[in-house]
Amino acid sequence: MTTFELNSRRESILQQMAELLNNEEAITKAERWIKRMYHSQVETYPLLLNKKALRKEVEEAEEDIVHNRYISHEDLLKEIKTW
C-alpha cells in the first residue's frame, strides 16, 4: 500500500472518529481502548517469533509435508462448507 493510500485511510478514520466522539463519555471510552490497544500491540502480534521459534515452525511445517499431514485448499473449502 502506498503512503498516499495509508494517509488517505488514516484521514478517513480520523474524520469518522471525530464524528463519533461528540461527548466526554465517548472520548473517555475511545481513549481507554486506544491505550489498551497500544500497550498490548506487541504482545498480541501473531507472528512475533524469534529466529529459533521461527526455525522450529518451519521445520515442523516441512516435516508435516514429508509425512502428508496437510490439507489442500480445495479440501479445506469442502470441509468448511459441511460445517
PDB file of N, CA and C in Angstrom:
ATOM      1  N   MET A   1       0.845  -1.164   0.000  1.00  0.00           N
ATOM      2  CA  MET A   1       0.000   0.000   0.000  1.00  0.00           C
ATOM      3  C   MET A   1       0.895   1.233   0.000  1.00  0.00           C
ATOM      4  N   THR A   2       0.542   2.194  -0.796  1.00  0.00           N
ATOM      5  CA  THR A   2       1.376   3.387  -0.921  1.00  0.00           C
ATOM      6  C   THR A   2       1.164   4.323   0.272  1.00  0.00           C
ATOM      7  N   THR A   3       2.089   5.254   0.433  1.00  0.00           N
ATOM      8  CA  THR A   3       1.986   6.240   1.501  1.00  0.00           C
ATOM      9  C   THR A   3       0.733   7.083   1.331  1.00  0.00           C
ATOM     10  N   PHE A   4       0.432   7.417   0.090  1.00  0.00           N
ATOM     11  CA  PHE A   4      -0.773   8.206  -0.185  1.00  0.00           C
ATOM     12  C   PHE A   4      -2.025   7.460   0.275  1.00  0.00           C
ATOM     13  N   GLU A   5      -2.101   6.178  -0.030  1.00  0.00           N
ATOM     14  CA  GLU A   5      -3.261   5.378   0.366  1.00  0.00           C
ATOM     15  C   GLU A   5      -3.367   5.268   1.884  1.00  0.00           C
ATOM     16  N   LEU A   6      -2.226   5.068   2.544  1.00  0.00           N
ATOM     17  CA  LEU A   6      -2.230   4.988   4.007  1.00  0.00           C
ATOM     18  C   LEU A   6      -2.698   6.302   4.626  1.00  0.00           C
ATOM     19  N   ASN A   7      -2.191   7.403   4.100  1.00  0.00           N
ATOM     20  CA  ASN A   7      -2.594   8.710   4.619  1.00  0.00           C
ATOM     21  C   ASN A   7      -4.074   8.958   4.386  1.00  0.00           C
ATOM     22  N   SER A   8      -4.569   8.534   3.247  1.00  0.00           N
ATOM     23  CA  SER A   8      -5.979   8.702   2.937  1.00  0.00           C
ATOM     24  C   SER A   8      -6.846   7.897   3.899  1.00  0.00           C
ATOM     25  N   ARG A   9      -6.450   6.663   4.162  1.00  0.00           N
ATOM     26  CA  ARG A   9      -7.203   5.827   5.107  1.00  0.00           C
ATOM     27  C   ARG A   9      -7.159   6.417   6.509  1.00  0.00           C
ATOM     28  N   ARG A  10      -5.979   6.902   6.912  1.00  0.00           N
ATOM     29  CA  ARG A  10      -5.840   7.498   8.237  1.00  0.00           C
ATOM     30  C   ARG A  10      -6.750   8.716   8.369  1.00  0.00           C
ATOM     31  N   GLU A  11      -6.775   9.558   7.352  1.00  0.00           N
ATOM     32  CA  GLU A  11      -7.640  10.739   7.382  1.00  0.00           C
ATOM     33  C   GLU A  11      -9.111  10.343   7.467  1.00  0.00           C
ATOM     34  N   SER A  12      -9.487   9.309   6.739  1.00  0.00           N
ATOM     35  CA  SER A  12     -10.867   8.844   6.765  1.00  0.00           C
ATOM     36  C   SER A  12     -11.253   8.352   8.155  1.00  0.00           C
ATOM     37  N   ILE A  13     -10.370   7.589   8.762  1.00  0.00           N
ATOM     38  CA  ILE A  13     -10.633   7.072  10.116  1.00  0.00           C
ATOM     39  C   ILE A  13     -10.724   8.216  11.115  1.00  0.00           C
ATOM     40  N   LEU A  14      -9.823   9.172  11.011  1.00  0.00           N
ATOM     41  CA  LEU A  14      -9.847  10.300  11.937  1.00  0.00           C
ATOM     42  C   LEU A  14     -11.127  11.109  11.785  1.00  0.00           C
ATOM     43  N   GLN A  15     -11.586  11.266  10.569  1.00  0.00           N
ATOM     44  CA  GLN A  15     -12.826  12.000  10.330  1.00  0.00           C
ATOM     45  C   GLN A  15     -14.015  11.249  10.949  1.00  0.00           C
ATOM     46  N   GLN A  16     -14.047   9.928  10.763  1.00  0.00           N
ATOM     47  CA  GLN A  16     -15.124   9.129  11.341  1.00  0.00           C
ATOM     48  C   GLN A  16     -15.091   9.201  12.860  1.00  0.00           C
ATOM     49  N   MET A  17     -13.889   9.147  13.443  1.00  0.00           N
ATOM     50  CA  MET A  17     -13.761   9.231  14.894  1.00  0.00           C
ATOM     51  C   MET A  17     -14.237  10.588  15.399  1.00  0.00           C
ATOM     52  N   ALA A  18     -13.901  11.644  14.686  1.00  0.00           N
ATOM     53  CA  ALA A  18     -14.329  12.981  15.102  1.00  0.00           C
ATOM     54  C   ALA A  18     -15.845  13.080  15.131  1.00  0.00           C
ATOM     55  N   GLU A  19     -16.506  12.430  14.193  1.00  0.00           N
ATOM     56  CA  GLU A  19     -17.971  12.454  14.155  1.00  0.00           C
ATOM     57  C   GLU A  19     -18.570  11.640  15.300  1.00  0.00           C
ATOM     58  N   LEU A  20     -17.917  10.532  15.654  1.00  0.00           N
ATOM     59  CA  LEU A  20     -18.440   9.662  16.717  1.00  0.00           C
ATOM     60  C   LEU A  20     -18.161  10.206  18.120  1.00  0.00           C
ATOM     61  N   LEU A  21     -17.025  10.862  18.269  1.00  0.00           N
ATOM     62  CA  LEU A  21     -16.601  11.303  19.601  1.00  0.00           C
ATOM     63  C   LEU A  21     -17.142  12.698  19.885  1.00  0.00           C
ATOM     64  N   ASN A  22     -18.439  12.759  20.130  1.00  0.00           N
ATOM     65  CA  ASN A  22     -19.072  14.055  20.305  1.00  0.00           C
ATOM     66  C   ASN A  22     -19.443  14.347  21.758  1.00  0.00           C
ATOM     67  N   ASN A  23     -18.992  13.480  22.680  1.00  0.00           N
ATOM     68  CA  ASN A  23     -19.233  13.762  24.097  1.00  0.00           C
ATOM     69  C   ASN A  23     -18.102  13.171  24.935  1.00  0.00           C
ATOM     70  N   GLU A  24     -18.055  13.592  26.178  1.00  0.00           N
ATOM     71  CA  GLU A  24     -16.937  13.191  27.046  1.00  0.00           C
ATOM     72  C   GLU A  24     -16.895  11.689  27.286  1.00  0.00           C
ATOM     73  N   GLU A  25     -18.047  11.050  27.428  1.00  0.00           N
ATOM     74  CA  GLU A  25     -18.090   9.599  27.672  1.00  0.00           C
ATOM     75  C   GLU A  25     -17.497   8.830  26.495  1.00  0.00           C
ATOM     76  N   ALA A  26     -17.857   9.193  25.285  1.00  0.00           N
ATOM     77  CA  ALA A  26     -17.332   8.520  24.094  1.00  0.00           C
ATOM     78  C   ALA A  26     -15.838   8.731  23.971  1.00  0.00           C
ATOM     79  N   ILE A  27     -15.377   9.926  24.270  1.00  0.00           N
ATOM     80  CA  ILE A  27     -13.945  10.217  24.198  1.00  0.00           C
ATOM     81  C   ILE A  27     -13.187   9.400  25.232  1.00  0.00           C
ATOM     82  N   THR A  28     -13.730   9.292  26.436  1.00  0.00           N
ATOM     83  CA  THR A  28     -13.080   8.521  27.503  1.00  0.00           C
ATOM     84  C   THR A  28     -12.983   7.045  27.131  1.00  0.00           C
ATOM     85  N   LYS A  29     -14.056   6.482  26.594  1.00  0.00           N
ATOM     86  CA  LYS A  29     -14.042   5.078  26.166  1.00  0.00           C
ATOM     87  C   LYS A  29     -13.020   4.856  25.055  1.00  0.00           C
ATOM     88  N   ALA A  30     -13.001   5.749  24.082  1.00  0.00           N
ATOM     89  CA  ALA A  30     -12.055   5.621  22.966  1.00  0.00           C
ATOM     90  C   ALA A  30     -10.627   5.739  23.464  1.00  0.00           C
ATOM     91  N   GLU A  31     -10.395   6.648  24.386  1.00  0.00           N
ATOM     92  CA  GLU A  31      -9.060   6.840  24.936  1.00  0.00           C
ATOM     93  C   GLU A  31      -8.572   5.588  25.661  1.00  0.00           C
ATOM     94  N   ARG A  32      -9.445   4.986  26.467  1.00  0.00           N
ATOM     95  CA  ARG A  32      -9.083   3.744  27.167  1.00  0.00           C
ATOM     96  C   ARG A  32      -8.782   2.626  26.183  1.00  0.00           C
ATOM     97  N   TRP A  33      -9.616   2.499  25.151  1.00  0.00           N
ATOM     98  CA  TRP A  33      -9.419   1.452  24.146  1.00  0.00           C
ATOM     99  C   TRP A  33      -8.092   1.633  23.422  1.00  0.00           C
ATOM    100  N   ILE A  34      -7.783   2.862  23.041  1.00  0.00           N
ATOM    101  CA  ILE A  34      -6.534   3.135  22.323  1.00  0.00           C
ATOM    102  C   ILE A  34      -5.338   2.812  23.208  1.00  0.00           C
ATOM    103  N   LYS A  35      -5.400   3.205  24.472  1.00  0.00           N
ATOM    104  CA  LYS A  35      -4.291   2.908  25.388  1.00  0.00           C
ATOM    105  C   LYS A  35      -4.102   1.403  25.555  1.00  0.00           C
ATOM    106  N   ARG A  36      -5.226   0.654  25.723  1.00  0.00           N
ATOM    107  CA  ARG A  36      -5.126  -0.803  25.841  1.00  0.00           C
ATOM    108  C   ARG A  36      -4.528  -1.412  24.584  1.00  0.00           C
ATOM    109  N   MET A  37      -4.999  -0.954  23.437  1.00  0.00           N
ATOM    110  CA  MET A  37      -4.507  -1.479  22.171  1.00  0.00           C
ATOM    111  C   MET A  37      -3.020  -1.174  22.002  1.00  0.00           C
ATOM    112  N   TYR A  38      -2.616   0.018  22.358  1.00  0.00           N
ATOM    113  CA  TYR A  38      -1.222   0.416  22.218  1.00  0.00           C
ATOM    114  C   TYR A  38      -0.313  -0.415  23.108  1.00  0.00           C
ATOM    115  N   HIS A  39      -0.720  -0.634  24.341  1.00  0.00           N
ATOM    116  CA  HIS A  39       0.125  -1.383  25.280  1.00  0.00           C
ATOM    117  C   HIS A  39       0.143  -2.876  24.999  1.00  0.00           C
ATOM    118  N   SER A  40      -0.898  -3.410  24.394  1.00  0.00           N
ATOM    119  CA  SER A  40      -0.940  -4.847  24.130  1.00  0.00           C
ATOM    120  C   SER A  40      -0.532  -5.190  22.707  1.00  0.00           C
ATOM    121  N   GLN A  41      -0.191  -4.204  21.908  1.00  0.00           N
ATOM    122  CA  GLN A  41       0.118  -4.434  20.499  1.00  0.00           C
ATOM    123  C   GLN A  41       1.266  -5.420  20.319  1.00  0.00           C
ATOM    124  N   VAL A  42       2.329  -5.238  21.040  1.00  0.00           N
ATOM    125  CA  VAL A  42       3.495  -6.112  20.883  1.00  0.00           C
ATOM    126  C   VAL A  42       3.175  -7.527  21.334  1.00  0.00           C
ATOM    127  N   GLU A  43       2.418  -7.666  22.413  1.00  0.00           N
ATOM    128  CA  GLU A  43       2.123  -8.980  22.969  1.00  0.00           C
ATOM    129  C   GLU A  43       1.179  -9.791  22.093  1.00  0.00           C
ATOM    130  N   THR A  44       0.267  -9.135  21.386  1.00  0.00           N
ATOM    131  CA  THR A  44      -0.739  -9.876  20.648  1.00  0.00           C
ATOM    132  C   THR A  44      -0.403 -10.047  19.175  1.00  0.00           C
ATOM    133  N   TYR A  45       0.723  -9.526  18.726  1.00  0.00           N
ATOM    134  CA  TYR A  45       1.070  -9.660  17.319  1.00  0.00           C
ATOM    135  C   TYR A  45       1.276 -11.139  17.020  1.00  0.00           C
ATOM    136  N   PRO A  46       0.533 -11.707  16.067  1.00  0.00           N
ATOM    137  CA  PRO A  46       0.535 -13.164  15.890  1.00  0.00           C
ATOM    138  C   PRO A  46       1.845 -13.739  15.360  1.00  0.00           C
ATOM    139  N   LEU A  47       2.677 -12.965  14.741  1.00  0.00           N
ATOM    140  CA  LEU A  47       3.907 -13.508  14.166  1.00  0.00           C
ATOM    141  C   LEU A  47       5.148 -13.021  14.894  1.00  0.00           C
ATOM    142  N   LEU A  48       5.020 -12.772  16.172  1.00  0.00           N
ATOM    143  CA  LEU A  48       6.148 -12.308  16.948  1.00  0.00           C
ATOM    144  C   LEU A  48       6.981 -13.519  17.368  1.00  0.00           C
ATOM    145  N   LEU A  49       7.922 -13.915  16.505  1.00  0.00           N
ATOM    146  CA  LEU A  49       8.763 -15.077  16.764  1.00  0.00           C
ATOM    147  C   LEU A  49      10.224 -14.675  16.670  1.00  0.00           C
ATOM    148  N   ASN A  50      11.024 -15.224  17.558  1.00  0.00           N
ATOM    149  CA  ASN A  50      12.460 -15.019  17.415  1.00  0.00           C
ATOM    150  C   ASN A  50      12.978 -16.017  16.376  1.00  0.00           C
ATOM    151  N   LYS A  51      14.241 -15.940  16.043  1.00  0.00           N
ATOM    152  CA  LYS A  51      14.778 -16.805  14.988  1.00  0.00           C
ATOM    153  C   LYS A  51      14.628 -18.286  15.334  1.00  0.00           C
ATOM    154  N   LYS A  52      14.876 -18.632  16.576  1.00  0.00           N
ATOM    155  CA  LYS A  52      14.792 -20.031  16.991  1.00  0.00           C
ATOM    156  C   LYS A  52      13.360 -20.554  16.841  1.00  0.00           C
ATOM    157  N   ALA A  53      12.387 -19.786  17.302  1.00  0.00           N
ATOM    158  CA  ALA A  53      10.987 -20.204  17.208  1.00  0.00           C
ATOM    159  C   ALA A  53      10.534 -20.271  15.756  1.00  0.00           C
ATOM    160  N   LEU A  54      10.993 -19.334  14.944  1.00  0.00           N
ATOM    161  CA  LEU A  54      10.636 -19.336  13.535  1.00  0.00           C
ATOM    162  C   LEU A  54      11.211 -20.568  12.833  1.00  0.00           C
ATOM    163  N   ARG A  55      12.456 -20.890  13.110  1.00  0.00           N
ATOM    164  CA  ARG A  55      13.059 -22.098  12.525  1.00  0.00           C
ATOM    165  C   ARG A  55      12.296 -23.357  12.933  1.00  0.00           C
ATOM    166  N   LYS A  56      11.889 -23.407  14.196  1.00  0.00           N
ATOM    167  CA  LYS A  56      11.129 -24.561  14.681  1.00  0.00           C
ATOM    168  C   LYS A  56       9.816 -24.692  13.930  1.00  0.00           C
ATOM    169  N   GLU A  57       9.103 -23.582  13.730  1.00  0.00           N
ATOM    170  CA  GLU A  57       7.839 -23.601  12.994  1.00  0.00           C
ATOM    171  C   GLU A  57       8.042 -24.093  11.566  1.00  0.00           C
ATOM    172  N   VAL A  58       9.095 -23.624  10.920  1.00  0.00           N
ATOM    173  CA  VAL A  58       9.375 -24.030   9.536  1.00  0.00           C
ATOM    174  C   VAL A  58       9.730 -25.514   9.485  1.00  0.00           C
ATOM    175  N   GLU A  59      10.549 -25.970  10.425  1.00  0.00           N
ATOM    176  CA  GLU A  59      10.910 -27.389  10.464  1.00  0.00           C
ATOM    177  C   GLU A  59       9.686 -28.270  10.671  1.00  0.00           C
ATOM    178  N   GLU A  60       8.782 -27.855  11.557  1.00  0.00           N
ATOM    179  CA  GLU A  60       7.561 -28.630  11.788  1.00  0.00           C
ATOM    180  C   GLU A  60       6.689 -28.657  10.535  1.00  0.00           C
ATOM    181  N   ALA A  61       6.600 -27.534   9.845  1.00  0.00           N
ATOM    182  CA  ALA A  61       5.808 -27.476   8.620  1.00  0.00           C
ATOM    183  C   ALA A  61       6.408 -28.381   7.545  1.00  0.00           C
ATOM    184  N   GLU A  62       7.736 -28.363   7.420  1.00  0.00           N
ATOM    185  CA  GLU A  62       8.392 -29.225   6.434  1.00  0.00           C
ATOM    186  C   GLU A  62       8.184 -30.693   6.773  1.00  0.00           C
ATOM    187  N   GLU A  63       8.247 -31.020   8.050  1.00  0.00           N
ATOM    188  CA  GLU A  63       8.020 -32.406   8.484  1.00  0.00           C
ATOM    189  C   GLU A  63       6.577 -32.831   8.187  1.00  0.00           C
ATOM    190  N   ASP A  64       5.630 -31.933   8.397  1.00  0.00           N
ATOM    191  CA  ASP A  64       4.236 -32.226   8.075  1.00  0.00           C
ATOM    192  C   ASP A  64       4.064 -32.528   6.590  1.00  0.00           C
ATOM    193  N   ILE A  65       4.748 -31.788   5.760  1.00  0.00           N
ATOM    194  CA  ILE A  65       4.664 -32.014   4.308  1.00  0.00           C
ATOM    195  C   ILE A  65       5.232 -33.384   3.950  1.00  0.00           C
ATOM    196  N   VAL A  66       6.396 -33.725   4.534  1.00  0.00           N
ATOM    197  CA  VAL A  66       7.026 -35.009   4.249  1.00  0.00           C
ATOM    198  C   VAL A  66       6.112 -36.169   4.647  1.00  0.00           C
ATOM    199  N   HIS A  67       5.386 -36.023   5.756  1.00  0.00           N
ATOM    200  CA  HIS A  67       4.529 -37.092   6.262  1.00  0.00           C
ATOM    201  C   HIS A  67       3.068 -36.935   5.844  1.00  0.00           C
ATOM    202  N   ASN A  68       2.815 -36.098   4.853  1.00  0.00           N
ATOM    203  CA  ASN A  68       1.460 -35.878   4.306  1.00  0.00           C
ATOM    204  C   ASN A  68       0.441 -35.463   5.367  1.00  0.00           C
ATOM    205  N   ARG A  69       0.873 -34.643   6.299  1.00  0.00           N
ATOM    206  CA  ARG A  69      -0.044 -34.131   7.324  1.00  0.00           C
ATOM    207  C   ARG A  69      -0.456 -32.713   6.953  1.00  0.00           C
ATOM    208  N   TYR A  70      -1.206 -32.613   5.901  1.00  0.00           N
ATOM    209  CA  TYR A  70      -1.685 -31.311   5.459  1.00  0.00           C
ATOM    210  C   TYR A  70      -2.999 -31.512   4.729  1.00  0.00           C
ATOM    211  N   ILE A  71      -3.658 -30.400   4.415  1.00  0.00           N
ATOM    212  CA  ILE A  71      -4.923 -30.454   3.698  1.00  0.00           C
ATOM    213  C   ILE A  71      -4.835 -29.439   2.557  1.00  0.00           C
ATOM    214  N   SER A  72      -5.335 -29.828   1.408  1.00  0.00           N
ATOM    215  CA  SER A  72      -5.289 -28.910   0.268  1.00  0.00           C
ATOM    216  C   SER A  72      -6.316 -27.799   0.457  1.00  0.00           C
ATOM    217  N   HIS A  73      -6.140 -26.731  -0.254  1.00  0.00           N
ATOM    218  CA  HIS A  73      -7.062 -25.604  -0.173  1.00  0.00           C
ATOM    219  C   HIS A  73      -8.473 -26.034  -0.568  1.00  0.00           C
ATOM    220  N   GLU A  74      -8.565 -26.817  -1.619  1.00  0.00           N
ATOM    221  CA  GLU A  74      -9.876 -27.278  -2.090  1.00  0.00           C
ATOM    222  C   GLU A  74     -10.567 -28.156  -1.041  1.00  0.00           C
ATOM    223  N   ASP A  75      -9.799 -29.074  -0.436  1.00  0.00           N
ATOM    224  CA  ASP A  75     -10.364 -29.938   0.596  1.00  0.00           C
ATOM    225  C   ASP A  75     -10.795 -29.135   1.825  1.00  0.00           C
ATOM    226  N   LEU A  76     -10.017 -28.121   2.154  1.00  0.00           N
ATOM    227  CA  LEU A  76     -10.375 -27.274   3.279  1.00  0.00           C
ATOM    228  C   LEU A  76     -11.681 -26.536   3.014  1.00  0.00           C
ATOM    229  N   LEU A  77     -11.858 -26.032   1.797  1.00  0.00           N
ATOM    230  CA  LEU A  77     -13.092 -25.359   1.445  1.00  0.00           C
ATOM    231  C   LEU A  77     -14.290 -26.305   1.516  1.00  0.00           C
ATOM    232  N   LYS A  78     -14.086 -27.547   1.049  1.00  0.00           N
ATOM    233  CA  LYS A  78     -15.157 -28.549   1.135  1.00  0.00           C
ATOM    234  C   LYS A  78     -15.522 -28.820   2.587  1.00  0.00           C
ATOM    235  N   GLU A  79     -14.515 -28.937   3.431  1.00  0.00           N
ATOM    236  CA  GLU A  79     -14.752 -29.215   4.839  1.00  0.00           C
ATOM    237  C   GLU A  79     -15.488 -28.063   5.506  1.00  0.00           C
ATOM    238  N   ILE A  80     -15.140 -26.848   5.179  1.00  0.00           N
ATOM    239  CA  ILE A  80     -15.796 -25.689   5.749  1.00  0.00           C
ATOM    240  C   ILE A  80     -17.265 -25.642   5.341  1.00  0.00           C
ATOM    241  N   LYS A  81     -17.558 -26.002   4.110  1.00  0.00           N
ATOM    242  CA  LYS A  81     -18.945 -25.972   3.632  1.00  0.00           C
ATOM    243  C   LYS A  81     -19.819 -26.976   4.366  1.00  0.00           C
ATOM    244  N   THR A  82     -19.233 -28.048   4.888  1.00  0.00           N
ATOM    245  CA  THR A  82     -20.021 -29.059   5.592  1.00  0.00           C
ATOM    246  C   THR A  82     -20.329 -28.649   7.032  1.00  0.00           C
ATOM    247  N   TRP A  83     -19.729 -27.609   7.533  1.00  0.00           N
ATOM    248  CA  TRP A  83     -19.949 -27.174   8.915  1.00  0.00           C
ATOM    249  C   TRP A  83     -21.285 -26.621   9.041  1.00  0.00           C
TER     250      TRP A  83
END
